[in-house]
Amino acid sequence: MTVIVLAKCPKGPRGFLSRWLMEISSGVFIGNPSRRVREALWAEVQEYANNGRALLAYGNDSEQGFSFETFDHAWEPKDHEGLVLMHRPKESRARRNPASPKTGWSKASKRRRFGKH
């Protein structure tokens, strides 16, 4: 079983993947191609994804029963005592919320506090 997930990719790779795999949701492709076809599909995705992200998961005979690869993805696969886990790097607070929150009371709180409705 093979699953490919595309995010922020152009329509070209999506159309190419739809020839070999079934698109079960927007950007989520699933199927059971041979290893050779899977590797060719993944190479095409990496070549034409541009600024998009891609994730490939497929079944194999490992301890976990599957393997996965990523392309231009913030999360990275890391080996941890024989198991491959996804490592999500910590984001800085400024990156998550670029606009700093305003200090003081909200307008609704001021109205309640001073009795103005």
N, C-alpha and C. Protein backbone atom coordinates (compact mmCIF):
# COMPACT_ATOMS: atom_id res chain seq x y z
N MET A 1 0.84 -1.17 0.00
CA MET A 1 0.00 0.00 0.00
C MET A 1 0.89 1.23 0.00
N THR A 2 0.56 2.21 -0.81
CA THR A 2 1.32 3.45 -0.93
C THR A 2 0.38 4.63 -0.74
N VAL A 3 0.83 5.60 0.05
CA VAL A 3 0.07 6.83 0.27
C VAL A 3 1.00 8.00 0.00
N ILE A 4 0.55 8.95 -0.82
CA ILE A 4 1.30 10.17 -1.09
C ILE A 4 0.40 11.34 -0.74
N VAL A 5 0.92 12.26 0.06
CA VAL A 5 0.15 13.44 0.47
C VAL A 5 0.88 14.66 -0.06
N LEU A 6 0.16 15.49 -0.81
CA LEU A 6 0.73 16.72 -1.37
C LEU A 6 0.07 17.93 -0.71
N ALA A 7 0.87 18.96 -0.45
CA ALA A 7 0.35 20.21 0.09
C ALA A 7 1.03 21.36 -0.64
N LYS A 8 0.24 22.31 -1.08
CA LYS A 8 0.74 23.51 -1.75
C LYS A 8 1.53 23.18 -3.01
N CYS A 9 1.12 22.13 -3.71
CA CYS A 9 1.79 21.72 -4.95
C CYS A 9 0.97 22.18 -6.14
N PRO A 10 1.61 22.40 -7.28
CA PRO A 10 0.85 22.73 -8.49
C PRO A 10 0.02 21.54 -8.97
N LYS A 11 -0.82 21.79 -9.96
CA LYS A 11 -1.72 20.74 -10.45
C LYS A 11 -1.01 19.64 -11.23
N GLY A 12 0.16 19.93 -11.78
CA GLY A 12 0.89 18.95 -12.59
C GLY A 12 1.16 17.64 -11.88
N PRO A 13 1.80 17.65 -10.70
CA PRO A 13 2.05 16.39 -10.01
C PRO A 13 0.76 15.68 -9.59
N ARG A 14 -0.28 16.45 -9.26
CA ARG A 14 -1.54 15.83 -8.87
C ARG A 14 -2.16 15.08 -10.04
N GLY A 15 -2.10 15.67 -11.24
CA GLY A 15 -2.63 15.00 -12.42
C GLY A 15 -1.83 13.76 -12.78
N PHE A 16 -0.51 13.87 -12.63
CA PHE A 16 0.35 12.73 -12.92
C PHE A 16 0.07 11.58 -11.95
N LEU A 17 -0.07 11.89 -10.66
CA LEU A 17 -0.33 10.84 -9.66
C LEU A 17 -1.70 10.20 -9.86
N SER A 18 -2.66 10.97 -10.36
CA SER A 18 -4.01 10.41 -10.53
C SER A 18 -4.05 9.33 -11.61
N ARG A 19 -3.03 9.24 -12.45
CA ARG A 19 -2.97 8.16 -13.44
C ARG A 19 -2.67 6.82 -12.77
N TRP A 20 -1.93 6.85 -11.67
CA TRP A 20 -1.47 5.62 -11.02
C TRP A 20 -2.15 5.33 -9.70
N LEU A 21 -2.59 6.38 -9.01
CA LEU A 21 -3.17 6.23 -7.68
C LEU A 21 -4.54 6.88 -7.64
N MET A 22 -5.32 6.52 -6.63
CA MET A 22 -6.65 7.11 -6.47
C MET A 22 -6.57 8.27 -5.49
N GLU A 23 -7.14 9.41 -5.88
CA GLU A 23 -7.17 10.58 -4.99
C GLU A 23 -8.41 10.47 -4.11
N ILE A 24 -8.21 10.15 -2.84
CA ILE A 24 -9.35 9.93 -1.94
C ILE A 24 -9.76 11.20 -1.22
N SER A 25 -8.92 12.18 -1.20
CA SER A 25 -9.21 13.50 -0.64
C SER A 25 -8.29 14.47 -1.36
N SER A 26 -8.51 15.74 -1.19
CA SER A 26 -7.69 16.72 -1.88
C SER A 26 -6.22 16.57 -1.49
N GLY A 27 -5.39 16.17 -2.45
CA GLY A 27 -3.96 16.02 -2.22
C GLY A 27 -3.54 14.72 -1.57
N VAL A 28 -4.47 13.78 -1.34
CA VAL A 28 -4.15 12.49 -0.71
C VAL A 28 -4.38 11.39 -1.73
N PHE A 29 -3.30 10.71 -2.10
CA PHE A 29 -3.35 9.66 -3.12
C PHE A 29 -3.00 8.33 -2.48
N ILE A 30 -3.71 7.28 -2.88
CA ILE A 30 -3.50 5.96 -2.30
C ILE A 30 -3.58 4.91 -3.40
N GLY A 31 -2.79 3.87 -3.28
CA GLY A 31 -2.81 2.80 -4.26
C GLY A 31 -1.82 1.72 -3.89
N ASN A 32 -1.65 0.77 -4.80
CA ASN A 32 -0.75 -0.35 -4.56
C ASN A 32 0.14 -0.59 -5.77
N PRO A 33 0.98 0.41 -6.14
CA PRO A 33 1.87 0.19 -7.29
C PRO A 33 3.08 -0.64 -6.89
N SER A 34 3.81 -1.12 -7.88
CA SER A 34 5.04 -1.86 -7.61
C SER A 34 6.10 -0.90 -7.07
N ARG A 35 7.17 -1.46 -6.54
CA ARG A 35 8.25 -0.64 -5.98
C ARG A 35 8.84 0.27 -7.04
N ARG A 36 9.03 -0.26 -8.21
CA ARG A 36 9.62 0.52 -9.31
C ARG A 36 8.73 1.70 -9.67
N VAL A 37 7.43 1.47 -9.77
CA VAL A 37 6.50 2.55 -10.10
C VAL A 37 6.45 3.57 -8.96
N ARG A 38 6.43 3.09 -7.72
CA ARG A 38 6.40 3.99 -6.56
C ARG A 38 7.61 4.92 -6.56
N GLU A 39 8.80 4.38 -6.83
CA GLU A 39 10.00 5.20 -6.86
C GLU A 39 9.97 6.20 -8.01
N ALA A 40 9.42 5.80 -9.15
CA ALA A 40 9.30 6.73 -10.28
C ALA A 40 8.31 7.85 -9.95
N LEU A 41 7.20 7.50 -9.31
CA LEU A 41 6.22 8.51 -8.92
C LEU A 41 6.83 9.50 -7.93
N TRP A 42 7.57 8.99 -6.94
CA TRP A 42 8.17 9.86 -5.94
C TRP A 42 9.22 10.79 -6.57
N ALA A 43 9.97 10.28 -7.54
CA ALA A 43 10.95 11.12 -8.24
C ALA A 43 10.25 12.25 -9.00
N GLU A 44 9.13 11.94 -9.64
CA GLU A 44 8.36 12.97 -10.35
C GLU A 44 7.80 14.01 -9.39
N VAL A 45 7.29 13.55 -8.26
CA VAL A 45 6.75 14.49 -7.26
C VAL A 45 7.84 15.43 -6.79
N GLN A 46 9.02 14.90 -6.48
CA GLN A 46 10.12 15.73 -6.01
C GLN A 46 10.58 16.73 -7.07
N GLU A 47 10.53 16.32 -8.32
CA GLU A 47 10.99 17.21 -9.39
C GLU A 47 10.02 18.35 -9.65
N TYR A 48 8.71 18.09 -9.58
CA TYR A 48 7.72 19.08 -9.98
C TYR A 48 6.92 19.69 -8.84
N ALA A 49 7.29 19.43 -7.61
CA ALA A 49 6.52 19.96 -6.48
C ALA A 49 6.75 21.45 -6.27
N ASN A 50 7.81 22.02 -6.83
CA ASN A 50 8.15 23.43 -6.67
C ASN A 50 8.24 23.81 -5.19
N ASN A 51 7.41 24.73 -4.74
CA ASN A 51 7.45 25.18 -3.35
C ASN A 51 6.53 24.36 -2.45
N GLY A 52 5.95 23.31 -2.96
CA GLY A 52 5.03 22.49 -2.18
C GLY A 52 5.75 21.50 -1.28
N ARG A 53 4.94 20.77 -0.52
CA ARG A 53 5.47 19.74 0.37
C ARG A 53 4.85 18.42 -0.02
N ALA A 54 5.57 17.34 0.27
CA ALA A 54 5.06 16.01 -0.07
C ALA A 54 5.50 15.01 0.99
N LEU A 55 4.67 14.01 1.17
CA LEU A 55 4.94 12.93 2.12
C LEU A 55 4.58 11.62 1.44
N LEU A 56 5.48 10.64 1.52
CA LEU A 56 5.27 9.32 0.94
C LEU A 56 5.32 8.30 2.07
N ALA A 57 4.31 7.45 2.17
CA ALA A 57 4.29 6.35 3.14
C ALA A 57 3.97 5.08 2.38
N TYR A 58 4.68 4.00 2.70
CA TYR A 58 4.46 2.73 2.00
C TYR A 58 4.78 1.58 2.93
N GLY A 59 4.12 0.47 2.71
CA GLY A 59 4.32 -0.72 3.52
C GLY A 59 5.59 -1.45 3.15
N ASN A 60 6.25 -2.05 4.18
CA ASN A 60 7.42 -2.87 3.95
C ASN A 60 7.57 -3.88 5.08
N ASP A 61 8.65 -4.63 5.08
CA ASP A 61 8.85 -5.70 6.07
C ASP A 61 9.68 -5.25 7.27
N SER A 62 9.60 -4.00 7.64
CA SER A 62 10.35 -3.51 8.80
C SER A 62 9.58 -3.80 10.09
N GLU A 63 10.18 -3.44 11.20
CA GLU A 63 9.54 -3.61 12.51
C GLU A 63 8.22 -2.86 12.59
N GLN A 64 8.18 -1.67 12.02
CA GLN A 64 6.96 -0.86 12.04
C GLN A 64 5.94 -1.32 11.02
N GLY A 65 6.38 -1.97 9.97
CA GLY A 65 5.47 -2.42 8.92
C GLY A 65 5.28 -1.40 7.81
N PHE A 66 5.93 -0.24 7.94
CA PHE A 66 5.85 0.78 6.90
C PHE A 66 7.08 1.67 6.98
N SER A 67 7.30 2.42 5.92
CA SER A 67 8.36 3.43 5.86
C SER A 67 7.77 4.69 5.27
N PHE A 68 8.47 5.78 5.44
CA PHE A 68 7.98 7.03 4.85
C PHE A 68 9.14 7.93 4.52
N GLU A 69 8.89 8.83 3.59
CA GLU A 69 9.86 9.81 3.14
C GLU A 69 9.16 11.15 3.05
N THR A 70 9.93 12.22 3.20
CA THR A 70 9.34 13.55 3.12
C THR A 70 10.10 14.38 2.10
N PHE A 71 9.43 15.38 1.56
CA PHE A 71 10.05 16.33 0.64
C PHE A 71 9.66 17.74 1.07
N ASP A 72 10.66 18.54 1.42
CA ASP A 72 10.47 19.94 1.80
C ASP A 72 9.41 20.08 2.89
N HIS A 73 9.51 19.23 3.87
CA HIS A 73 8.53 19.18 4.96
C HIS A 73 9.22 19.64 6.23
N ALA A 74 8.52 20.39 7.08
CA ALA A 74 9.12 20.89 8.32
C ALA A 74 9.42 19.73 9.28
N TRP A 75 8.61 18.71 9.27
CA TRP A 75 8.85 17.55 10.13
C TRP A 75 9.83 16.62 9.44
N GLU A 76 10.76 16.06 10.22
CA GLU A 76 11.80 15.22 9.64
C GLU A 76 11.77 13.83 10.25
N PRO A 77 11.95 12.78 9.43
CA PRO A 77 12.04 11.43 9.99
C PRO A 77 13.37 11.24 10.73
N LYS A 78 13.31 10.71 11.94
CA LYS A 78 14.51 10.46 12.75
C LYS A 78 14.47 9.03 13.25
N ASP A 79 15.62 8.36 13.21
CA ASP A 79 15.72 7.00 13.72
C ASP A 79 15.88 7.06 15.23
N HIS A 80 15.04 6.34 15.94
CA HIS A 80 15.12 6.30 17.40
C HIS A 80 15.08 4.84 17.84
N GLU A 81 16.25 4.28 18.12
CA GLU A 81 16.39 2.90 18.56
C GLU A 81 15.71 1.90 17.62
N GLY A 82 15.91 2.10 16.34
CA GLY A 82 15.37 1.18 15.35
C GLY A 82 14.00 1.54 14.81
N LEU A 83 13.33 2.49 15.42
CA LEU A 83 12.03 2.96 14.94
C LEU A 83 12.21 4.33 14.31
N VAL A 84 11.54 4.56 13.21
CA VAL A 84 11.60 5.86 12.56
C VAL A 84 10.40 6.67 13.05
N LEU A 85 10.70 7.79 13.66
CA LEU A 85 9.67 8.67 14.19
C LEU A 85 9.77 10.03 13.52
N MET A 86 8.68 10.78 13.53
CA MET A 86 8.68 12.13 12.97
C MET A 86 9.11 13.12 14.03
N HIS A 87 10.12 13.90 13.71
CA HIS A 87 10.61 14.93 14.61
C HIS A 87 10.04 16.27 14.17
N ARG A 88 9.32 16.90 15.05
CA ARG A 88 8.75 18.21 14.75
C ARG A 88 9.58 19.25 15.47
N PRO A 89 10.32 20.07 14.72
CA PRO A 89 11.16 21.07 15.38
C PRO A 89 10.30 22.11 16.08
N LYS A 90 10.84 22.61 17.20
CA LYS A 90 10.11 23.63 17.94
C LYS A 90 10.11 24.93 17.15
N GLU A 91 8.95 25.57 17.13
CA GLU A 91 8.85 26.86 16.48
C GLU A 91 9.03 27.94 17.52
N SER A 92 9.65 29.01 17.12
CA SER A 92 9.77 30.12 18.06
C SER A 92 8.41 30.79 18.19
N ARG A 93 8.17 31.40 19.31
CA ARG A 93 6.88 32.06 19.55
C ARG A 93 6.64 33.16 18.53
N ALA A 94 7.69 33.87 18.14
CA ALA A 94 7.54 34.95 17.17
C ALA A 94 7.11 34.41 15.82
N ARG A 95 7.58 33.22 15.46
CA ARG A 95 7.22 32.65 14.16
C ARG A 95 5.77 32.20 14.14
N ARG A 96 5.28 31.64 15.24
CA ARG A 96 3.89 31.19 15.29
C ARG A 96 2.92 32.35 15.25
N ASN A 97 3.22 33.42 15.98
CA ASN A 97 2.32 34.56 16.07
C ASN A 97 3.12 35.82 15.82
N PRO A 98 3.26 36.22 14.55
CA PRO A 98 4.11 37.36 14.26
C PRO A 98 3.59 38.68 14.84
N ALA A 99 2.28 38.82 14.97
CA ALA A 99 1.72 40.04 15.55
C ALA A 99 1.68 39.89 17.06
N SER A 100 2.35 40.79 17.75
CA SER A 100 2.37 40.69 19.21
C SER A 100 1.00 41.07 19.76
N PRO A 101 0.55 40.39 20.80
CA PRO A 101 -0.77 40.69 21.35
C PRO A 101 -0.78 42.07 22.01
N LYS A 102 -1.93 42.73 21.92
CA LYS A 102 -2.07 44.04 22.53
C LYS A 102 -2.18 43.87 24.04
N THR A 103 -1.59 44.79 24.74
CA THR A 103 -1.66 44.75 26.19
C THR A 103 -2.85 45.57 26.66
N GLY A 104 -3.33 45.29 27.84
CA GLY A 104 -4.44 46.04 28.41
C GLY A 104 -5.74 45.28 28.29
N TRP A 105 -6.81 45.99 28.56
CA TRP A 105 -8.14 45.39 28.57
C TRP A 105 -8.76 45.38 27.18
N SER A 106 -9.60 44.39 26.93
CA SER A 106 -10.31 44.35 25.66
C SER A 106 -11.45 45.36 25.71
N LYS A 107 -12.00 45.69 24.54
CA LYS A 107 -13.10 46.65 24.48
C LYS A 107 -14.32 46.12 25.23
N ALA A 108 -14.59 44.83 25.10
CA ALA A 108 -15.74 44.25 25.80
C ALA A 108 -15.53 44.31 27.31
N SER A 109 -14.33 44.04 27.74
CA SER A 109 -14.03 44.10 29.18
C SER A 109 -14.18 45.52 29.71
N LYS A 110 -13.74 46.51 28.95
CA LYS A 110 -13.88 47.92 29.37
C LYS A 110 -15.34 48.30 29.49
N ARG A 111 -16.16 47.86 28.53
CA ARG A 111 -17.59 48.18 28.59
C ARG A 111 -18.23 47.58 29.83
N ARG A 112 -17.91 46.32 30.13
CA ARG A 112 -18.47 45.69 31.33
C ARG A 112 -17.97 46.37 32.60
N ARG A 113 -16.71 46.72 32.57
CA ARG A 113 -16.10 47.29 33.78
C ARG A 113 -16.67 48.67 34.10
N PHE A 114 -16.86 49.49 33.06
CA PHE A 114 -17.33 50.84 33.30
C PHE A 114 -18.82 51.01 33.07
N GLY A 115 -19.53 49.92 32.82
CA GLY A 115 -21.00 49.94 32.72
C GLY A 115 -21.53 50.55 31.44
N LYS A 116 -20.73 50.66 30.42
CA LYS A 116 -21.19 51.19 29.13
C LYS A 116 -21.65 50.02 28.27
N HIS A 117 -22.87 50.07 27.82
CA HIS A 117 -23.39 48.96 27.02
C HIS A 117 -23.53 49.37 25.62
